[in-house]
Protein backbone atom coordinates (compact mmCIF):
# COMPACT_ATOMS: atom_id res chain seq x y z
CA MET A 1 16.84 -234.74 28.27
CA LEU A 2 14.56 -231.78 28.84
CA SER A 3 12.02 -230.71 26.27
CA ILE A 4 12.26 -227.33 24.58
CA SER A 5 9.16 -226.29 26.51
CA GLU A 6 10.78 -227.18 29.84
CA GLN A 7 13.91 -225.25 28.88
CA TYR A 8 11.83 -222.18 27.99
CA ASP A 9 9.91 -222.47 31.25
CA ILE A 10 13.17 -222.47 33.20
CA GLN A 11 14.47 -219.50 31.21
CA TYR A 12 11.22 -217.61 31.87
CA LEU A 13 11.51 -218.30 35.61
CA ILE A 14 15.11 -217.11 35.73
CA LYS A 15 14.39 -214.01 33.69
CA ASN A 16 11.43 -213.00 35.87
CA THR A 17 12.92 -213.46 39.33
CA CYS A 18 14.94 -211.15 41.51
CA ASP A 19 18.53 -211.85 42.50
CA GLN A 20 17.49 -213.31 45.85
CA GLU A 21 15.09 -215.78 44.21
CA ARG A 22 17.74 -216.77 41.62
CA ASN A 23 20.22 -217.41 44.42
CA GLN A 24 17.64 -219.60 46.14
CA MET A 25 17.06 -221.49 42.87
CA ARG A 26 20.82 -221.94 42.50
CA GLN A 27 21.19 -223.29 46.04
CA GLU A 28 18.30 -225.72 45.63
CA ALA A 29 19.68 -226.96 42.31
CA GLU A 30 23.15 -227.46 43.81
CA LEU A 31 21.72 -229.37 46.77
CA THR A 32 19.68 -231.56 44.44
CA LEU A 33 22.76 -232.40 42.39
CA LEU A 34 24.85 -233.08 45.50
CA ARG A 35 22.20 -235.46 46.83
CA ILE A 36 21.78 -237.24 43.51
CA GLY A 37 25.55 -237.36 42.99
CA LYS A 38 25.97 -239.30 46.23
CA SER A 39 23.39 -241.85 45.11
CA TRP A 40 24.84 -242.04 41.60
CA ASN A 41 27.87 -244.03 42.82
CA THR A 42 25.94 -246.54 44.91
CA ARG A 43 22.87 -247.48 42.89
CA ALA A 44 20.93 -246.95 39.70
CA LEU A 45 18.97 -243.73 39.72
CA SER A 46 15.22 -243.64 39.30
CA SER A 47 13.65 -241.79 36.40
CA ASP A 48 12.49 -239.10 38.85
CA GLU A 49 16.05 -238.61 40.09
CA LEU A 50 17.38 -238.40 36.55
CA LYS A 51 14.73 -235.81 35.68
CA ALA A 52 15.55 -233.81 38.83
CA ALA A 53 19.24 -233.86 37.89
CA GLU A 54 18.44 -232.61 34.38
CA LEU A 55 16.26 -229.81 35.74
CA ALA A 56 18.88 -228.77 38.30
CA THR A 57 21.61 -228.81 35.66
CA GLU A 58 19.53 -226.66 33.33
CA ILE A 59 18.75 -224.19 36.10
CA LEU A 60 22.43 -223.78 36.96
CA ALA A 61 23.51 -223.49 33.33
CA ARG A 62 20.86 -220.90 32.52
CA ILE A 63 21.53 -218.82 35.63
CA ASP A 64 25.25 -218.77 34.83
CA ALA A 65 24.63 -217.88 31.19
CA SER A 66 22.15 -215.17 32.14
CA GLU A 67 24.56 -213.58 34.60
CA GLN A 68 27.33 -213.54 32.01
CA GLY A 69 25.22 -212.55 29.02
CA LYS A 70 26.07 -215.76 27.17
CA GLY A 71 24.01 -217.87 24.79
CA TRP A 72 23.32 -221.44 23.76
CA PHE A 73 26.94 -222.50 23.16
CA TYR A 74 28.00 -221.43 26.65
CA ARG A 75 24.99 -223.24 28.15
CA ALA A 76 25.86 -226.44 26.27
CA LYS A 77 29.42 -226.39 27.59
CA ARG A 78 28.23 -225.43 31.06
CA ARG A 79 25.75 -228.32 31.23
CA PHE A 80 28.60 -230.74 30.55
CA GLU A 81 30.80 -229.09 33.21
CA ILE A 82 28.02 -229.17 35.80
CA LYS A 83 27.26 -232.85 35.20
CA LYS A 84 30.94 -233.71 35.41
CA MET A 85 31.36 -231.72 38.63
CA TYR A 86 28.33 -233.10 40.48
CA LEU A 87 27.73 -236.51 38.92
CA GLY A 88 31.26 -237.51 37.99
């Protein structure tokens, strides 16, 4: 699980980037989750991979919430949906 500080750092990044940079962040997060999702079914993930998955999930959830003007409850539901979609 990410610390509050890490969550705020991600929110700050998202809030202070242009649309093009947010789209790049989204693509990188999706690719990270796709790569980790493939490994998830074949072996135990390392702590670095688990951390990368958490970061990518948070990035996607916060970008989605920001675009839709939603808050913490939406992000909580979205995190669950993202993990289910990419990590099964």
